[in-house]
Amino acid sequence: MNDQQQLEKLMVLRQQRVQQAERALLEQQRNCRHSAEQLYMLEQRLSAHLHAVDEHEQHWFDTPGGSLSGPELEDIRQAIDDHQRETASLDHQQREQGQQHQAHQEEREQRATEWAGKVRAHRALEELSRRHDRKRQSHQELYAELELEDATPRGGH
């Protein structure tokens, strides 16, 4: 295999690696968008839940007459416990989703760096190929000139 064939084969391999890195980057970008959407939805659920808790608490304290029976107090206590458990669960889910989103962002940055490096390497190889082609063309032109000089009769004989 001559130099030109090796260079062409290497360029094809580099292009494949660039495309593979680009696909990995695009996949990671999709993962980031998905995890961001999930995080946003959890934040919205938590916000709605906390708003509902505030409304319930306000309703309990605004009860007319100011005195609640034993069963009513037990119902309120149970509701408060339920709200606290749900809030803790949503907080936990939100933290986990936030950590997952952060991990996806870090992975995306790593993929972007890898892709950029592969693009630079491919462009460098393309430049090397262009230089090689110009050098080969220059040699061919010089060889053609030498052949022309050799073929031209000298001194009119």
N, C-alpha and C. Protein backbone atom coordinates (compact mmCIF):
# COMPACT_ATOMS: atom_id res chain seq x y z
N MET A 1 0.86 -1.17 0.00
CA MET A 1 0.00 0.00 0.00
C MET A 1 0.91 1.23 0.00
N ASN A 2 0.65 2.14 -0.95
CA ASN A 2 1.50 3.32 -1.02
C ASN A 2 1.03 4.39 -0.03
N ASP A 3 1.82 5.46 0.05
CA ASP A 3 1.53 6.52 1.01
C ASP A 3 0.15 7.13 0.80
N GLN A 4 -0.21 7.35 -0.44
CA GLN A 4 -1.50 7.97 -0.74
C GLN A 4 -2.65 7.06 -0.29
N GLN A 5 -2.54 5.79 -0.54
CA GLN A 5 -3.58 4.85 -0.12
C GLN A 5 -3.68 4.79 1.41
N GLN A 6 -2.53 4.78 2.07
CA GLN A 6 -2.53 4.77 3.53
C GLN A 6 -3.17 6.04 4.08
N LEU A 7 -2.85 7.15 3.46
CA LEU A 7 -3.42 8.42 3.89
C LEU A 7 -4.93 8.44 3.68
N GLU A 8 -5.39 7.94 2.56
CA GLU A 8 -6.83 7.89 2.29
C GLU A 8 -7.55 6.96 3.27
N LYS A 9 -6.93 5.84 3.55
CA LYS A 9 -7.51 4.90 4.51
C LYS A 9 -7.59 5.53 5.90
N LEU A 10 -6.54 6.23 6.28
CA LEU A 10 -6.51 6.91 7.58
C LEU A 10 -7.57 8.01 7.63
N MET A 11 -7.76 8.71 6.52
CA MET A 11 -8.78 9.77 6.49
C MET A 11 -10.19 9.18 6.65
N VAL A 12 -10.44 8.06 6.02
CA VAL A 12 -11.74 7.41 6.16
C VAL A 12 -11.96 6.99 7.61
N LEU A 13 -10.92 6.41 8.20
CA LEU A 13 -11.02 6.00 9.61
C LEU A 13 -11.26 7.20 10.51
N ARG A 14 -10.55 8.29 10.28
CA ARG A 14 -10.74 9.51 11.09
C ARG A 14 -12.16 10.04 10.94
N GLN A 15 -12.67 10.03 9.71
CA GLN A 15 -14.03 10.52 9.46
C GLN A 15 -15.05 9.66 10.20
N GLN A 16 -14.83 8.37 10.20
CA GLN A 16 -15.73 7.47 10.94
C GLN A 16 -15.70 7.78 12.43
N ARG A 17 -14.52 8.05 12.95
CA ARG A 17 -14.39 8.37 14.37
C ARG A 17 -15.06 9.71 14.70
N VAL A 18 -14.95 10.67 13.81
CA VAL A 18 -15.63 11.96 14.01
C VAL A 18 -17.14 11.73 14.05
N GLN A 19 -17.65 10.95 13.11
CA GLN A 19 -19.08 10.69 13.06
C GLN A 19 -19.55 9.93 14.30
N GLN A 20 -18.77 8.98 14.75
CA GLN A 20 -19.11 8.23 15.96
C GLN A 20 -19.13 9.16 17.18
N ALA A 21 -18.17 10.03 17.28
CA ALA A 21 -18.11 10.98 18.39
C ALA A 21 -19.29 11.96 18.32
N GLU A 22 -19.64 12.35 17.11
CA GLU A 22 -20.77 13.26 16.94
C GLU A 22 -22.09 12.59 17.36
N ARG A 23 -22.26 11.33 16.99
CA ARG A 23 -23.46 10.59 17.41
C ARG A 23 -23.52 10.47 18.93
N ALA A 24 -22.39 10.19 19.56
CA ALA A 24 -22.35 10.08 21.03
C ALA A 24 -22.68 11.43 21.67
N LEU A 25 -22.18 12.50 21.11
CA LEU A 25 -22.48 13.84 21.62
C LEU A 25 -23.96 14.15 21.48
N LEU A 26 -24.54 13.86 20.33
CA LEU A 26 -25.96 14.12 20.12
C LEU A 26 -26.82 13.31 21.09
N GLU A 27 -26.45 12.07 21.32
CA GLU A 27 -27.18 11.23 22.27
C GLU A 27 -27.10 11.82 23.67
N GLN A 28 -25.93 12.29 24.04
CA GLN A 28 -25.77 12.86 25.37
C GLN A 28 -26.53 14.17 25.50
N GLN A 29 -26.60 14.93 24.42
CA GLN A 29 -27.39 16.16 24.45
C GLN A 29 -28.87 15.84 24.65
N ARG A 30 -29.35 14.77 24.00
CA ARG A 30 -30.74 14.33 24.22
C ARG A 30 -30.94 13.92 25.67
N ASN A 31 -29.99 13.19 26.23
CA ASN A 31 -30.08 12.79 27.64
C ASN A 31 -30.16 14.01 28.55
N CYS A 32 -29.36 15.03 28.26
CA CYS A 32 -29.37 16.25 29.07
C CYS A 32 -30.73 16.94 28.98
N ARG A 33 -31.25 17.05 27.77
CA ARG A 33 -32.57 17.69 27.62
C ARG A 33 -33.63 16.92 28.39
N HIS A 34 -33.59 15.59 28.29
CA HIS A 34 -34.58 14.76 28.97
C HIS A 34 -34.45 14.92 30.50
N SER A 35 -33.24 14.87 31.00
CA SER A 35 -33.08 15.00 32.45
C SER A 35 -33.46 16.40 32.92
N ALA A 36 -33.22 17.41 32.10
CA ALA A 36 -33.64 18.77 32.46
C ALA A 36 -35.16 18.87 32.51
N GLU A 37 -35.82 18.22 31.56
CA GLU A 37 -37.29 18.21 31.56
C GLU A 37 -37.82 17.48 32.79
N GLN A 38 -37.21 16.36 33.13
CA GLN A 38 -37.62 15.61 34.32
C GLN A 38 -37.43 16.45 35.58
N LEU A 39 -36.31 17.12 35.67
CA LEU A 39 -36.02 17.97 36.82
C LEU A 39 -37.04 19.10 36.91
N TYR A 40 -37.35 19.70 35.80
CA TYR A 40 -38.33 20.78 35.78
C TYR A 40 -39.70 20.27 36.25
N MET A 41 -40.10 19.10 35.76
CA MET A 41 -41.40 18.54 36.16
C MET A 41 -41.42 18.26 37.66
N LEU A 42 -40.34 17.73 38.20
CA LEU A 42 -40.28 17.49 39.64
C LEU A 42 -40.34 18.80 40.43
N GLU A 43 -39.66 19.80 39.94
CA GLU A 43 -39.71 21.10 40.61
C GLU A 43 -41.14 21.65 40.60
N GLN A 44 -41.84 21.45 39.49
CA GLN A 44 -43.22 21.91 39.40
C GLN A 44 -44.12 21.12 40.36
N ARG A 45 -43.92 19.80 40.43
CA ARG A 45 -44.71 18.97 41.36
C ARG A 45 -44.47 19.39 42.80
N LEU A 46 -43.21 19.62 43.15
CA LEU A 46 -42.88 20.03 44.52
C LEU A 46 -43.49 21.39 44.82
N SER A 47 -43.41 22.31 43.90
CA SER A 47 -43.98 23.63 44.10
C SER A 47 -45.50 23.54 44.29
N ALA A 48 -46.16 22.75 43.45
CA ALA A 48 -47.61 22.58 43.57
C ALA A 48 -47.96 21.92 44.90
N HIS A 49 -47.18 20.94 45.28
CA HIS A 49 -47.42 20.25 46.55
C HIS A 49 -47.28 21.22 47.73
N LEU A 50 -46.23 21.99 47.74
CA LEU A 50 -46.01 22.95 48.84
C LEU A 50 -47.12 24.00 48.87
N HIS A 51 -47.58 24.40 47.72
CA HIS A 51 -48.69 25.35 47.66
C HIS A 51 -49.96 24.73 48.25
N ALA A 52 -50.21 23.46 47.91
CA ALA A 52 -51.38 22.76 48.47
C ALA A 52 -51.26 22.62 49.99
N VAL A 53 -50.08 22.32 50.47
CA VAL A 53 -49.86 22.20 51.92
C VAL A 53 -50.16 23.54 52.59
N ASP A 54 -49.66 24.63 52.01
CA ASP A 54 -49.93 25.95 52.57
C ASP A 54 -51.42 26.24 52.63
N GLU A 55 -52.13 25.87 51.57
CA GLU A 55 -53.57 26.11 51.55
C GLU A 55 -54.28 25.28 52.62
N HIS A 56 -53.88 24.00 52.76
CA HIS A 56 -54.49 23.16 53.79
C HIS A 56 -54.24 23.72 55.19
N GLU A 57 -53.00 24.10 55.41
CA GLU A 57 -52.67 24.64 56.74
C GLU A 57 -53.46 25.92 57.02
N GLN A 58 -53.57 26.75 56.02
CA GLN A 58 -54.34 27.98 56.20
C GLN A 58 -55.80 27.66 56.50
N HIS A 59 -56.33 26.68 55.79
CA HIS A 59 -57.72 26.26 56.00
C HIS A 59 -57.91 25.72 57.43
N TRP A 60 -56.95 24.94 57.89
CA TRP A 60 -57.07 24.36 59.24
C TRP A 60 -57.06 25.45 60.30
N PHE A 61 -56.23 26.46 60.10
CA PHE A 61 -56.13 27.51 61.10
C PHE A 61 -57.28 28.52 61.01
N ASP A 62 -57.94 28.54 59.86
CA ASP A 62 -59.06 29.45 59.67
C ASP A 62 -60.40 28.81 60.02
N THR A 63 -60.38 27.63 60.62
CA THR A 63 -61.61 26.92 60.95
C THR A 63 -62.45 27.79 61.89
N PRO A 64 -63.73 27.97 61.53
CA PRO A 64 -64.58 28.81 62.38
C PRO A 64 -64.75 28.21 63.77
N GLY A 65 -64.85 29.04 64.73
CA GLY A 65 -65.07 28.59 66.10
C GLY A 65 -63.79 28.35 66.84
N GLY A 66 -62.68 28.16 66.15
CA GLY A 66 -61.39 28.04 66.79
C GLY A 66 -61.13 26.77 67.54
N SER A 67 -62.08 25.93 67.71
CA SER A 67 -61.78 24.69 68.44
C SER A 67 -62.12 23.49 67.56
N LEU A 68 -61.22 22.52 67.59
CA LEU A 68 -61.40 21.31 66.79
C LEU A 68 -61.59 20.14 67.74
N SER A 69 -62.35 19.19 67.28
CA SER A 69 -62.57 17.99 68.09
C SER A 69 -61.34 17.09 68.00
N GLY A 70 -61.29 16.09 68.86
CA GLY A 70 -60.18 15.12 68.86
C GLY A 70 -60.01 14.43 67.52
N PRO A 71 -61.07 13.89 66.90
CA PRO A 71 -60.92 13.25 65.59
C PRO A 71 -60.46 14.24 64.51
N GLU A 72 -60.93 15.47 64.57
CA GLU A 72 -60.51 16.47 63.58
C GLU A 72 -59.02 16.78 63.74
N LEU A 73 -58.56 16.90 64.97
CA LEU A 73 -57.14 17.13 65.22
C LEU A 73 -56.30 15.94 64.74
N GLU A 74 -56.80 14.74 64.95
CA GLU A 74 -56.09 13.54 64.48
C GLU A 74 -56.02 13.53 62.96
N ASP A 75 -57.12 13.91 62.30
CA ASP A 75 -57.12 13.99 60.83
C ASP A 75 -56.11 15.01 60.34
N ILE A 76 -56.04 16.14 61.03
CA ILE A 76 -55.08 17.19 60.65
C ILE A 76 -53.65 16.69 60.87
N ARG A 77 -53.39 16.05 62.00
CA ARG A 77 -52.07 15.51 62.28
C ARG A 77 -51.67 14.50 61.21
N GLN A 78 -52.61 13.62 60.85
CA GLN A 78 -52.33 12.61 59.81
C GLN A 78 -52.06 13.28 58.46
N ALA A 79 -52.84 14.30 58.14
CA ALA A 79 -52.64 15.02 56.88
C ALA A 79 -51.27 15.70 56.87
N ILE A 80 -50.89 16.29 58.00
CA ILE A 80 -49.56 16.93 58.09
C ILE A 80 -48.46 15.89 57.90
N ASP A 81 -48.60 14.74 58.52
CA ASP A 81 -47.62 13.66 58.35
C ASP A 81 -47.54 13.23 56.89
N ASP A 82 -48.71 13.08 56.27
CA ASP A 82 -48.74 12.69 54.85
C ASP A 82 -48.05 13.74 53.99
N HIS A 83 -48.33 15.00 54.26
CA HIS A 83 -47.71 16.09 53.50
C HIS A 83 -46.19 16.08 53.69
N GLN A 84 -45.74 15.86 54.92
CA GLN A 84 -44.30 15.84 55.19
C GLN A 84 -43.62 14.67 54.46
N ARG A 85 -44.27 13.52 54.46
CA ARG A 85 -43.70 12.37 53.75
C ARG A 85 -43.63 12.65 52.24
N GLU A 86 -44.69 13.20 51.71
CA GLU A 86 -44.71 13.51 50.27
C GLU A 86 -43.67 14.57 49.94
N THR A 87 -43.55 15.58 50.78
CA THR A 87 -42.54 16.61 50.56
C THR A 87 -41.14 16.01 50.60
N ALA A 88 -40.88 15.15 51.58
CA ALA A 88 -39.56 14.51 51.69
C ALA A 88 -39.29 13.65 50.46
N SER A 89 -40.30 12.93 50.01
CA SER A 89 -40.14 12.08 48.82
C SER A 89 -39.83 12.93 47.59
N LEU A 90 -40.58 14.01 47.40
CA LEU A 90 -40.34 14.88 46.25
C LEU A 90 -38.96 15.56 46.35
N ASP A 91 -38.59 15.97 47.54
CA ASP A 91 -37.24 16.55 47.73
C ASP A 91 -36.16 15.55 47.33
N HIS A 92 -36.34 14.32 47.79
CA HIS A 92 -35.36 13.27 47.48
C HIS A 92 -35.31 13.02 45.96
N GLN A 93 -36.46 12.92 45.33
CA GLN A 93 -36.51 12.70 43.88
C GLN A 93 -35.85 13.86 43.13
N GLN A 94 -36.13 15.06 43.62
CA GLN A 94 -35.56 16.23 42.97
C GLN A 94 -34.03 16.24 43.11
N ARG A 95 -33.52 15.92 44.28
CA ARG A 95 -32.06 15.86 44.46
C ARG A 95 -31.44 14.80 43.55
N GLU A 96 -32.07 13.61 43.52
CA GLU A 96 -31.54 12.56 42.65
C GLU A 96 -31.57 12.97 41.19
N GLN A 97 -32.68 13.57 40.77
CA GLN A 97 -32.78 14.01 39.38
C GLN A 97 -31.77 15.11 39.09
N GLY A 98 -31.55 15.99 40.05
CA GLY A 98 -30.55 17.04 39.89
C GLY A 98 -29.15 16.46 39.74
N GLN A 99 -28.84 15.44 40.53
CA GLN A 99 -27.53 14.78 40.42
C GLN A 99 -27.40 14.07 39.07
N GLN A 100 -28.47 13.44 38.64
CA GLN A 100 -28.44 12.75 37.34
C GLN A 100 -28.26 13.78 36.22
N HIS A 101 -28.97 14.88 36.31
CA HIS A 101 -28.85 15.93 35.30
C HIS A 101 -27.41 16.46 35.27
N GLN A 102 -26.83 16.67 36.44
CA GLN A 102 -25.44 17.14 36.51
C GLN A 102 -24.50 16.13 35.87
N ALA A 103 -24.71 14.87 36.14
CA ALA A 103 -23.87 13.82 35.53
C ALA A 103 -24.03 13.82 34.01
N HIS A 104 -25.24 14.03 33.52
CA HIS A 104 -25.46 14.08 32.08
C HIS A 104 -24.76 15.29 31.47
N GLN A 105 -24.80 16.41 32.17
CA GLN A 105 -24.11 17.60 31.67
C GLN A 105 -22.60 17.38 31.61
N GLU A 106 -22.06 16.76 32.64
CA GLU A 106 -20.62 16.49 32.65
C GLU A 106 -20.25 15.53 31.52
N GLU A 107 -21.07 14.51 31.32
CA GLU A 107 -20.82 13.56 30.23
C GLU A 107 -20.92 14.26 28.88
N ARG A 108 -21.90 15.16 28.74
CA ARG A 108 -22.04 15.91 27.49
C ARG A 108 -20.79 16.74 27.23
N GLU A 109 -20.28 17.39 28.26
CA GLU A 109 -19.07 18.19 28.10
C GLU A 109 -17.88 17.32 27.68
N GLN A 110 -17.80 16.14 28.27
CA GLN A 110 -16.71 15.22 27.91
C GLN A 110 -16.87 14.79 26.45
N ARG A 111 -18.08 14.47 26.06
CA ARG A 111 -18.33 14.06 24.66
C ARG A 111 -18.02 15.21 23.70
N ALA A 112 -18.37 16.42 24.08
CA ALA A 112 -18.10 17.58 23.23
C ALA A 112 -16.59 17.77 23.06
N THR A 113 -15.86 17.59 24.14
CA THR A 113 -14.40 17.72 24.09
C THR A 113 -13.81 16.63 23.19
N GLU A 114 -14.29 15.40 23.34
CA GLU A 114 -13.81 14.30 22.49
C GLU A 114 -14.11 14.58 21.03
N TRP A 115 -15.34 15.02 20.75
CA TRP A 115 -15.73 15.29 19.37
C TRP A 115 -14.85 16.40 18.78
N ALA A 116 -14.63 17.47 19.55
CA ALA A 116 -13.81 18.58 19.06
C ALA A 116 -12.39 18.11 18.76
N GLY A 117 -11.85 17.25 19.62
CA GLY A 117 -10.51 16.72 19.38
C GLY A 117 -10.44 15.87 18.11
N LYS A 118 -11.47 15.08 17.89
CA LYS A 118 -11.50 14.25 16.69
C LYS A 118 -11.66 15.10 15.43
N VAL A 119 -12.45 16.17 15.53
CA VAL A 119 -12.59 17.08 14.39
C VAL A 119 -11.25 17.74 14.08
N ARG A 120 -10.56 18.21 15.13
CA ARG A 120 -9.24 18.83 14.91
C ARG A 120 -8.27 17.84 14.27
N ALA A 121 -8.28 16.60 14.76
CA ALA A 121 -7.37 15.59 14.20
C ALA A 121 -7.71 15.31 12.74
N HIS A 122 -9.00 15.26 12.45
CA HIS A 122 -9.41 14.99 11.06
C HIS A 122 -9.01 16.17 10.16
N ARG A 123 -9.21 17.38 10.64
CA ARG A 123 -8.82 18.56 9.84
C ARG A 123 -7.31 18.60 9.62
N ALA A 124 -6.55 18.23 10.63
CA ALA A 124 -5.09 18.19 10.49
C ALA A 124 -4.70 17.16 9.44
N LEU A 125 -5.38 16.04 9.45
CA LEU A 125 -5.09 15.00 8.46
C LEU A 125 -5.49 15.47 7.06
N GLU A 126 -6.60 16.19 6.96
CA GLU A 126 -7.00 16.74 5.65
C GLU A 126 -5.94 17.71 5.15
N GLU A 127 -5.43 18.54 6.05
CA GLU A 127 -4.38 19.49 5.65
C GLU A 127 -3.12 18.73 5.21
N LEU A 128 -2.77 17.70 5.94
CA LEU A 128 -1.63 16.88 5.55
C LEU A 128 -1.86 16.26 4.17
N SER A 129 -3.06 15.82 3.92
CA SER A 129 -3.40 15.23 2.62
C SER A 129 -3.28 16.28 1.51
N ARG A 130 -3.78 17.49 1.77
CA ARG A 130 -3.67 18.56 0.76
C ARG A 130 -2.19 18.87 0.47
N ARG A 131 -1.39 18.95 1.52
CA ARG A 131 0.04 19.20 1.33
C ARG A 131 0.69 18.08 0.53
N HIS A 132 0.32 16.87 0.85
CA HIS A 132 0.85 15.70 0.15
C HIS A 132 0.46 15.76 -1.33
N ASP A 133 -0.80 16.11 -1.58
CA ASP A 133 -1.28 16.21 -2.97
C ASP A 133 -0.54 17.31 -3.72
N ARG A 134 -0.34 18.47 -3.07
CA ARG A 134 0.39 19.58 -3.72
C ARG A 134 1.84 19.17 -4.01
N LYS A 135 2.46 18.48 -3.08
CA LYS A 135 3.84 18.03 -3.26
C LYS A 135 3.93 17.04 -4.42
N ARG A 136 2.98 16.10 -4.43
CA ARG A 136 2.98 15.10 -5.50
C ARG A 136 2.74 15.77 -6.85
N GLN A 137 1.82 16.73 -6.88
CA GLN A 137 1.53 17.44 -8.12
C GLN A 137 2.75 18.24 -8.57
N SER A 138 3.44 18.87 -7.63
CA SER A 138 4.65 19.63 -7.95
C SER A 138 5.72 18.70 -8.53
N HIS A 139 5.87 17.53 -7.91
CA HIS A 139 6.84 16.56 -8.43
C HIS A 139 6.46 16.11 -9.83
N GLN A 140 5.18 15.90 -10.05
CA GLN A 140 4.73 15.46 -11.38
C GLN A 140 4.99 16.55 -12.42
N GLU A 141 4.76 17.81 -12.03
CA GLU A 141 5.01 18.91 -12.95
C GLU A 141 6.50 19.02 -13.27
N LEU A 142 7.33 18.90 -12.21
CA LEU A 142 8.78 18.95 -12.44
C LEU A 142 9.24 17.79 -13.33
N TYR A 143 8.70 16.61 -13.09
CA TYR A 143 9.05 15.44 -13.90
C TYR A 143 8.62 15.65 -15.35
N ALA A 144 7.44 16.22 -15.51
CA ALA A 144 6.96 16.48 -16.88
C ALA A 144 7.86 17.50 -17.58
N GLU A 145 8.29 18.53 -16.85
CA GLU A 145 9.20 19.52 -17.43
C GLU A 145 10.54 18.89 -17.82
N LEU A 146 11.04 18.02 -16.94
CA LEU A 146 12.31 17.35 -17.25
C LEU A 146 12.16 16.46 -18.48
N GLU A 147 11.06 15.74 -18.57
CA GLU A 147 10.85 14.89 -19.75
C GLU A 147 10.73 15.73 -21.01
N LEU A 148 10.07 16.88 -20.89
CA LEU A 148 9.93 17.77 -22.04
C LEU A 148 11.29 18.30 -22.46
N GLU A 149 12.13 18.65 -21.49
CA GLU A 149 13.47 19.13 -21.81
C GLU A 149 14.30 18.03 -22.47
N ASP A 150 14.16 16.82 -21.95
CA ASP A 150 14.91 15.71 -22.52
C ASP A 150 14.43 15.37 -23.93
N ALA A 151 13.16 15.56 -24.20
CA ALA A 151 12.60 15.22 -25.49
C ALA A 151 12.86 16.31 -26.54
N THR A 152 13.13 17.50 -26.10
CA THR A 152 13.37 18.61 -27.03
C THR A 152 14.78 18.52 -27.59
N PRO A 153 14.91 18.54 -28.94
CA PRO A 153 16.25 18.49 -29.53
C PRO A 153 17.03 19.77 -29.20
N ARG A 154 18.29 19.60 -28.98
CA ARG A 154 19.14 20.74 -28.60
C ARG A 154 20.07 21.10 -29.76
N GLY A 155 20.27 22.35 -29.80
CA GLY A 155 21.24 22.86 -30.79
C GLY A 155 20.79 22.70 -32.22
N GLY A 156 19.57 22.39 -32.47
CA GLY A 156 19.04 22.32 -33.81
C GLY A 156 19.52 21.15 -34.62
N HIS A 157 20.07 20.09 -34.08
CA HIS A 157 20.57 18.92 -34.83
C HIS A 157 19.50 17.97 -35.13
